[in-house]
Amino acid sequence: MIERGDHHGIGLLNVKAVVDKYGGDMVLSCDENEFKAVVIL
């Protein structure tokens, strides 16, 4: 696992805001050591 400092990437809250704005869907899941984000616009 890679640990990084604060303030990297665009952030899931920003992604969710765009998804909501354009009427899309976002599903997050975590299984063992895998994190999955599915975004549909």
PDB file of N, CA and C in Angstrom:
ATOM      1  N   MET A   1       0.847  -1.178   0.000  1.00  0.00           N
ATOM      2  CA  MET A   1       0.000   0.000   0.000  1.00  0.00           C
ATOM      3  C   MET A   1       0.891   1.239   0.000  1.00  0.00           C
ATOM      4  N   ILE A   2       0.507   2.214  -0.790  1.00  0.00           N
ATOM      5  CA  ILE A   2       1.271   3.459  -0.876  1.00  0.00           C
ATOM      6  C   ILE A   2       0.575   4.531  -0.048  1.00  0.00           C
ATOM      7  N   GLU A   3       1.326   5.156   0.836  1.00  0.00           N
ATOM      8  CA  GLU A   3       0.781   6.262   1.621  1.00  0.00           C
ATOM      9  C   GLU A   3       1.366   7.559   1.090  1.00  0.00           C
ATOM     10  N   ARG A   4       0.501   8.539   0.902  1.00  0.00           N
ATOM     11  CA  ARG A   4       0.944   9.831   0.392  1.00  0.00           C
ATOM     12  C   ARG A   4       0.485  10.922   1.340  1.00  0.00           C
ATOM     13  N   GLY A   5       1.076  12.082   1.188  1.00  0.00           N
ATOM     14  CA  GLY A   5       0.703  13.227   2.013  1.00  0.00           C
ATOM     15  C   GLY A   5      -0.691  13.733   1.666  1.00  0.00           C
ATOM     16  N   ASP A   6      -1.122  14.739   2.395  1.00  0.00           N
ATOM     17  CA  ASP A   6      -2.436  15.335   2.162  1.00  0.00           C
ATOM     18  C   ASP A   6      -2.485  16.058   0.819  1.00  0.00           C
ATOM     19  N   HIS A   7      -3.697  16.301   0.362  1.00  0.00           N
ATOM     20  CA  HIS A   7      -3.963  17.139  -0.810  1.00  0.00           C
ATOM     21  C   HIS A   7      -3.423  16.569  -2.116  1.00  0.00           C
ATOM     22  N   HIS A   8      -3.708  15.315  -2.399  1.00  0.00           N
ATOM     23  CA  HIS A   8      -3.336  14.751  -3.689  1.00  0.00           C
ATOM     24  C   HIS A   8      -4.591  14.218  -4.370  1.00  0.00           C
ATOM     25  N   GLY A   9      -4.596  14.217  -5.669  1.00  0.00           N
ATOM     26  CA  GLY A   9      -5.757  13.758  -6.420  1.00  0.00           C
ATOM     27  C   GLY A   9      -6.885  14.784  -6.368  1.00  0.00           C
ATOM     28  N   ILE A  10      -8.002  14.453  -7.011  1.00  0.00           N
ATOM     29  CA  ILE A  10      -9.123  15.398  -7.016  1.00  0.00           C
ATOM     30  C   ILE A  10     -10.133  15.095  -5.919  1.00  0.00           C
ATOM     31  N   GLY A  11     -10.034  13.954  -5.295  1.00  0.00           N
ATOM     32  CA  GLY A  11     -10.895  13.644  -4.162  1.00  0.00           C
ATOM     33  C   GLY A  11     -12.245  13.082  -4.564  1.00  0.00           C
ATOM     34  N   LEU A  12     -12.698  12.113  -3.799  1.00  0.00           N
ATOM     35  CA  LEU A  12     -13.973  11.463  -4.093  1.00  0.00           C
ATOM     36  C   LEU A  12     -15.163  12.387  -3.900  1.00  0.00           C
ATOM     37  N   LEU A  13     -15.061  13.336  -2.983  1.00  0.00           N
ATOM     38  CA  LEU A  13     -16.178  14.278  -2.806  1.00  0.00           C
ATOM     39  C   LEU A  13     -16.347  15.159  -4.034  1.00  0.00           C
ATOM     40  N   ASN A  14     -15.247  15.553  -4.660  1.00  0.00           N
ATOM     41  CA  ASN A  14     -15.330  16.332  -5.893  1.00  0.00           C
ATOM     42  C   ASN A  14     -15.894  15.494  -7.033  1.00  0.00           C
ATOM     43  N   VAL A  15     -15.494  14.240  -7.119  1.00  0.00           N
ATOM     44  CA  VAL A  15     -16.039  13.341  -8.138  1.00  0.00           C
ATOM     45  C   VAL A  15     -17.536  13.184  -7.928  1.00  0.00           C
ATOM     46  N   LYS A  16     -17.954  12.973  -6.680  1.00  0.00           N
ATOM     47  CA  LYS A  16     -19.377  12.812  -6.364  1.00  0.00           C
ATOM     48  C   LYS A  16     -20.167  14.065  -6.735  1.00  0.00           C
ATOM     49  N   ALA A  17     -19.602  15.233  -6.512  1.00  0.00           N
ATOM     50  CA  ALA A  17     -20.284  16.485  -6.860  1.00  0.00           C
ATOM     51  C   ALA A  17     -20.539  16.566  -8.362  1.00  0.00           C
ATOM     52  N   VAL A  18     -19.567  16.172  -9.166  1.00  0.00           N
ATOM     53  CA  VAL A  18     -19.739  16.184 -10.622  1.00  0.00           C
ATOM     54  C   VAL A  18     -20.767  15.136 -11.046  1.00  0.00           C
ATOM     55  N   VAL A  19     -20.697  13.959 -10.453  1.00  0.00           N
ATOM     56  CA  VAL A  19     -21.655  12.889 -10.755  1.00  0.00           C
ATOM     57  C   VAL A  19     -23.075  13.359 -10.461  1.00  0.00           C
ATOM     58  N   ASP A  20     -23.277  13.975  -9.316  1.00  0.00           N
ATOM     59  CA  ASP A  20     -24.608  14.478  -8.952  1.00  0.00           C
ATOM     60  C   ASP A  20     -25.060  15.588  -9.898  1.00  0.00           C
ATOM     61  N   LYS A  21     -24.155  16.479 -10.240  1.00  0.00           N
ATOM     62  CA  LYS A  21     -24.486  17.609 -11.118  1.00  0.00           C
ATOM     63  C   LYS A  21     -25.008  17.136 -12.469  1.00  0.00           C
ATOM     64  N   TYR A  22     -24.435  16.065 -12.994  1.00  0.00           N
ATOM     65  CA  TYR A  22     -24.798  15.587 -14.325  1.00  0.00           C
ATOM     66  C   TYR A  22     -25.715  14.364 -14.301  1.00  0.00           C
ATOM     67  N   GLY A  23     -26.284  14.054 -13.129  1.00  0.00           N
ATOM     68  CA  GLY A  23     -27.267  12.974 -13.032  1.00  0.00           C
ATOM     69  C   GLY A  23     -26.697  11.581 -13.204  1.00  0.00           C
ATOM     70  N   GLY A  24     -25.445  11.397 -12.850  1.00  0.00           N
ATOM     71  CA  GLY A  24     -24.812  10.093 -12.984  1.00  0.00           C
ATOM     72  C   GLY A  24     -24.942   9.262 -11.718  1.00  0.00           C
ATOM     73  N   ASP A  25     -24.112   8.249 -11.642  1.00  0.00           N
ATOM     74  CA  ASP A  25     -24.124   7.349 -10.487  1.00  0.00           C
ATOM     75  C   ASP A  25     -22.682   6.994 -10.137  1.00  0.00           C
ATOM     76  N   MET A  26     -22.429   6.828  -8.851  1.00  0.00           N
ATOM     77  CA  MET A  26     -21.110   6.439  -8.372  1.00  0.00           C
ATOM     78  C   MET A  26     -21.283   5.356  -7.323  1.00  0.00           C
ATOM     79  N   VAL A  27     -20.548   4.260  -7.493  1.00  0.00           N
ATOM     80  CA  VAL A  27     -20.600   3.146  -6.549  1.00  0.00           C
ATOM     81  C   VAL A  27     -19.185   2.882  -6.049  1.00  0.00           C
ATOM     82  N   LEU A  28     -19.022   2.844  -4.735  1.00  0.00           N
ATOM     83  CA  LEU A  28     -17.729   2.559  -4.116  1.00  0.00           C
ATOM     84  C   LEU A  28     -17.813   1.220  -3.402  1.00  0.00           C
ATOM     85  N   SER A  29     -16.757   0.425  -3.520  1.00  0.00           N
ATOM     86  CA  SER A  29     -16.727  -0.845  -2.804  1.00  0.00           C
ATOM     87  C   SER A  29     -15.294  -1.154  -2.381  1.00  0.00           C
ATOM     88  N   CYS A  30     -15.190  -1.959  -1.345  1.00  0.00           N
ATOM     89  CA  CYS A  30     -13.890  -2.361  -0.825  1.00  0.00           C
ATOM     90  C   CYS A  30     -13.965  -3.835  -0.461  1.00  0.00           C
ATOM     91  N   ASP A  31     -13.001  -4.608  -0.960  1.00  0.00           N
ATOM     92  CA  ASP A  31     -12.970  -6.043  -0.701  1.00  0.00           C
ATOM     93  C   ASP A  31     -11.521  -6.440  -0.425  1.00  0.00           C
ATOM     94  N   GLU A  32     -11.250  -6.854   0.802  1.00  0.00           N
ATOM     95  CA  GLU A  32      -9.898  -7.228   1.213  1.00  0.00           C
ATOM     96  C   GLU A  32      -8.951  -6.056   0.977  1.00  0.00           C
ATOM     97  N   ASN A  33      -8.030  -6.165   0.038  1.00  0.00           N
ATOM     98  CA  ASN A  33      -7.045  -5.108  -0.213  1.00  0.00           C
ATOM     99  C   ASN A  33      -7.332  -4.326  -1.489  1.00  0.00           C
ATOM    100  N   GLU A  34      -8.567  -4.399  -1.980  1.00  0.00           N
ATOM    101  CA  GLU A  34      -8.912  -3.740  -3.238  1.00  0.00           C
ATOM    102  C   GLU A  34     -10.024  -2.726  -3.024  1.00  0.00           C
ATOM    103  N   PHE A  35      -9.814  -1.513  -3.524  1.00  0.00           N
ATOM    104  CA  PHE A  35     -10.826  -0.463  -3.490  1.00  0.00           C
ATOM    105  C   PHE A  35     -11.280  -0.232  -4.919  1.00  0.00           C
ATOM    106  N   LYS A  36     -12.601  -0.169  -5.135  1.00  0.00           N
ATOM    107  CA  LYS A  36     -13.128   0.005  -6.478  1.00  0.00           C
ATOM    108  C   LYS A  36     -14.096   1.174  -6.505  1.00  0.00           C
ATOM    109  N   ALA A  37     -13.948   2.034  -7.509  1.00  0.00           N
ATOM    110  CA  ALA A  37     -14.862   3.153  -7.730  1.00  0.00           C
ATOM    111  C   ALA A  37     -15.390   3.044  -9.155  1.00  0.00           C
ATOM    112  N   VAL A  38     -16.717   2.982  -9.287  1.00  0.00           N
ATOM    113  CA  VAL A  38     -17.355   2.929 -10.601  1.00  0.00           C
ATOM    114  C   VAL A  38     -18.167   4.202 -10.762  1.00  0.00           C
ATOM    115  N   VAL A  39     -17.891   4.937 -11.839  1.00  0.00           N
ATOM    116  CA  VAL A  39     -18.585   6.198 -12.109  1.00  0.00           C
ATOM    117  C   VAL A  39     -19.268   6.083 -13.463  1.00  0.00           C
ATOM    118  N   ILE A  40     -20.562   6.403 -13.487  1.00  0.00           N
ATOM    119  CA  ILE A  40     -21.341   6.398 -14.724  1.00  0.00           C
ATOM    120  C   ILE A  40     -21.915   7.790 -14.919  1.00  0.00           C
ATOM    121  N   LEU A  41     -21.620   8.395 -16.067  1.00  0.00           N
ATOM    122  CA  LEU A  41     -22.152   9.721 -16.393  1.00  0.00           C
ATOM    123  C   LEU A  41     -23.030   9.616 -17.617  1.00  0.00           C
TER     124      LEU A  41
END
